[in-house]
Amino acid sequence: MMETRTRRTEKLDIRLTPAAKRTLYAAAAAAQRSVSDFVLESALVRAEETLADRRHFGLDVDRWHEFMAALDAPSRVLPRVQRLLSEASVFERDTP
């Protein structure tokens, strides 16, 4: 099976402490990878983990029905929110 590679054309600069840099170089060496490959792969794995919670969540049948019922329910009146949205913001108020 032939692996196709996408050419890397974008650059990302980061600032880090000397200790963090040493840690990354040591970890990359231990993994027998370049620092660039090690950091990129690690960051992408973490990014996917972070985004997974926002892309997909699983529910059993009972929870799914509860979720759908909550989405279909009429909105609640929240007096404090109504008051907040009806008042001028600090940016709109006249200042003395």
Protein backbone atom coordinates (compact mmCIF):
# COMPACT_ATOMS: atom_id res chain seq x y z
CA MET A 1 0.00 0.00 0.00
CA MET A 2 1.45 3.34 -1.03
CA GLU A 3 1.20 6.17 1.45
CA THR A 4 0.36 9.55 0.02
CA ARG A 5 1.88 12.54 1.77
CA THR A 6 0.51 16.03 1.87
CA ARG A 7 3.14 18.68 1.48
CA ARG A 8 3.47 20.86 4.55
CA THR A 9 3.31 24.48 3.49
CA GLU A 10 2.13 26.20 6.67
CA LYS A 11 4.28 27.21 9.62
CA LEU A 12 3.37 27.59 13.29
CA ASP A 13 5.74 29.32 15.69
CA ILE A 14 5.49 28.83 19.43
CA ARG A 15 7.34 30.26 22.38
CA LEU A 16 8.33 27.91 25.15
CA THR A 17 10.55 27.70 28.16
CA PRO A 18 13.98 26.08 27.95
CA ALA A 19 12.70 23.25 30.16
CA ALA A 20 9.73 22.61 27.86
CA LYS A 21 12.04 22.59 24.84
CA ARG A 22 14.36 20.07 26.51
CA THR A 23 11.38 17.86 27.35
CA LEU A 24 10.10 17.92 23.77
CA TYR A 25 13.54 17.13 22.33
CA ALA A 26 13.99 14.27 24.81
CA ALA A 27 10.55 12.84 24.06
CA ALA A 28 11.08 13.12 20.31
CA ALA A 29 14.44 11.34 20.60
CA ALA A 30 12.88 8.60 22.72
CA ALA A 31 10.18 8.13 20.08
CA GLN A 32 12.84 8.21 17.33
CA ARG A 33 11.02 11.06 15.60
CA SER A 34 11.97 14.55 14.59
CA VAL A 35 10.86 17.22 17.02
CA SER A 36 8.61 18.68 14.34
CA ASP A 37 6.90 15.34 13.68
CA PHE A 38 6.62 14.58 17.39
CA VAL A 39 5.08 17.95 18.27
CA LEU A 40 2.74 17.96 15.27
CA GLU A 41 1.46 14.44 15.91
CA SER A 42 1.03 15.10 19.64
CA ALA A 43 -0.80 18.37 19.03
CA LEU A 44 -3.10 16.82 16.43
CA VAL A 45 -3.98 13.91 18.72
CA ARG A 46 -4.85 16.37 21.50
CA ALA A 47 -6.82 18.54 19.08
CA GLU A 48 -8.87 15.56 17.92
CA GLU A 49 -9.57 14.58 21.54
CA THR A 50 -10.69 18.13 22.31
CA LEU A 51 -12.91 18.37 19.24
CA ALA A 52 -14.40 14.88 19.65
CA ASP A 53 -16.47 16.06 22.62
CA ARG A 54 -17.95 18.76 20.44
CA ARG A 55 -18.56 16.62 17.36
CA HIS A 56 -20.02 13.40 18.70
CA PHE A 57 -21.61 12.14 21.85
CA GLY A 58 -23.40 8.88 22.41
CA LEU A 59 -26.62 8.35 24.31
CA ASP A 60 -28.60 5.25 25.13
CA VAL A 61 -32.22 5.13 23.94
CA ASP A 62 -33.72 6.54 27.16
CA ARG A 63 -31.25 9.42 27.33
CA TRP A 64 -31.79 10.10 23.61
CA HIS A 65 -35.55 10.48 24.20
CA GLU A 66 -34.88 12.79 27.17
CA PHE A 67 -32.50 14.84 25.04
CA MET A 68 -35.00 15.15 22.19
CA ALA A 69 -37.78 16.09 24.61
CA ALA A 70 -35.58 18.84 26.06
CA LEU A 71 -34.87 20.18 22.57
CA ASP A 72 -38.57 20.12 21.67
CA ALA A 73 -39.75 21.68 24.95
CA PRO A 74 -40.86 25.31 24.87
CA SER A 75 -38.30 27.77 26.11
CA ARG A 76 -38.52 28.86 29.74
CA VAL A 77 -38.99 32.44 30.80
CA LEU A 78 -35.91 33.55 32.70
CA PRO A 79 -36.65 36.95 34.27
CA ARG A 80 -33.04 37.75 35.12
CA VAL A 81 -31.93 37.04 31.55
CA GLN A 82 -34.82 39.11 30.17
CA ARG A 83 -33.84 42.02 32.43
CA LEU A 84 -30.19 41.70 31.42
CA LEU A 85 -31.04 41.77 27.73
CA SER A 86 -33.47 44.67 28.07
CA GLU A 87 -31.05 46.97 29.91
CA ALA A 88 -28.43 49.06 28.15
CA SER A 89 -24.99 47.51 28.33
CA VAL A 90 -22.10 49.29 30.03
CA PHE A 91 -20.95 50.29 26.54
CA GLU A 92 -24.29 51.89 25.72
CA ARG A 93 -24.87 53.81 28.96
CA ASP A 94 -24.20 57.49 29.23
CA THR A 95 -21.31 58.23 31.54
CA PRO A 96 -21.14 61.44 33.61
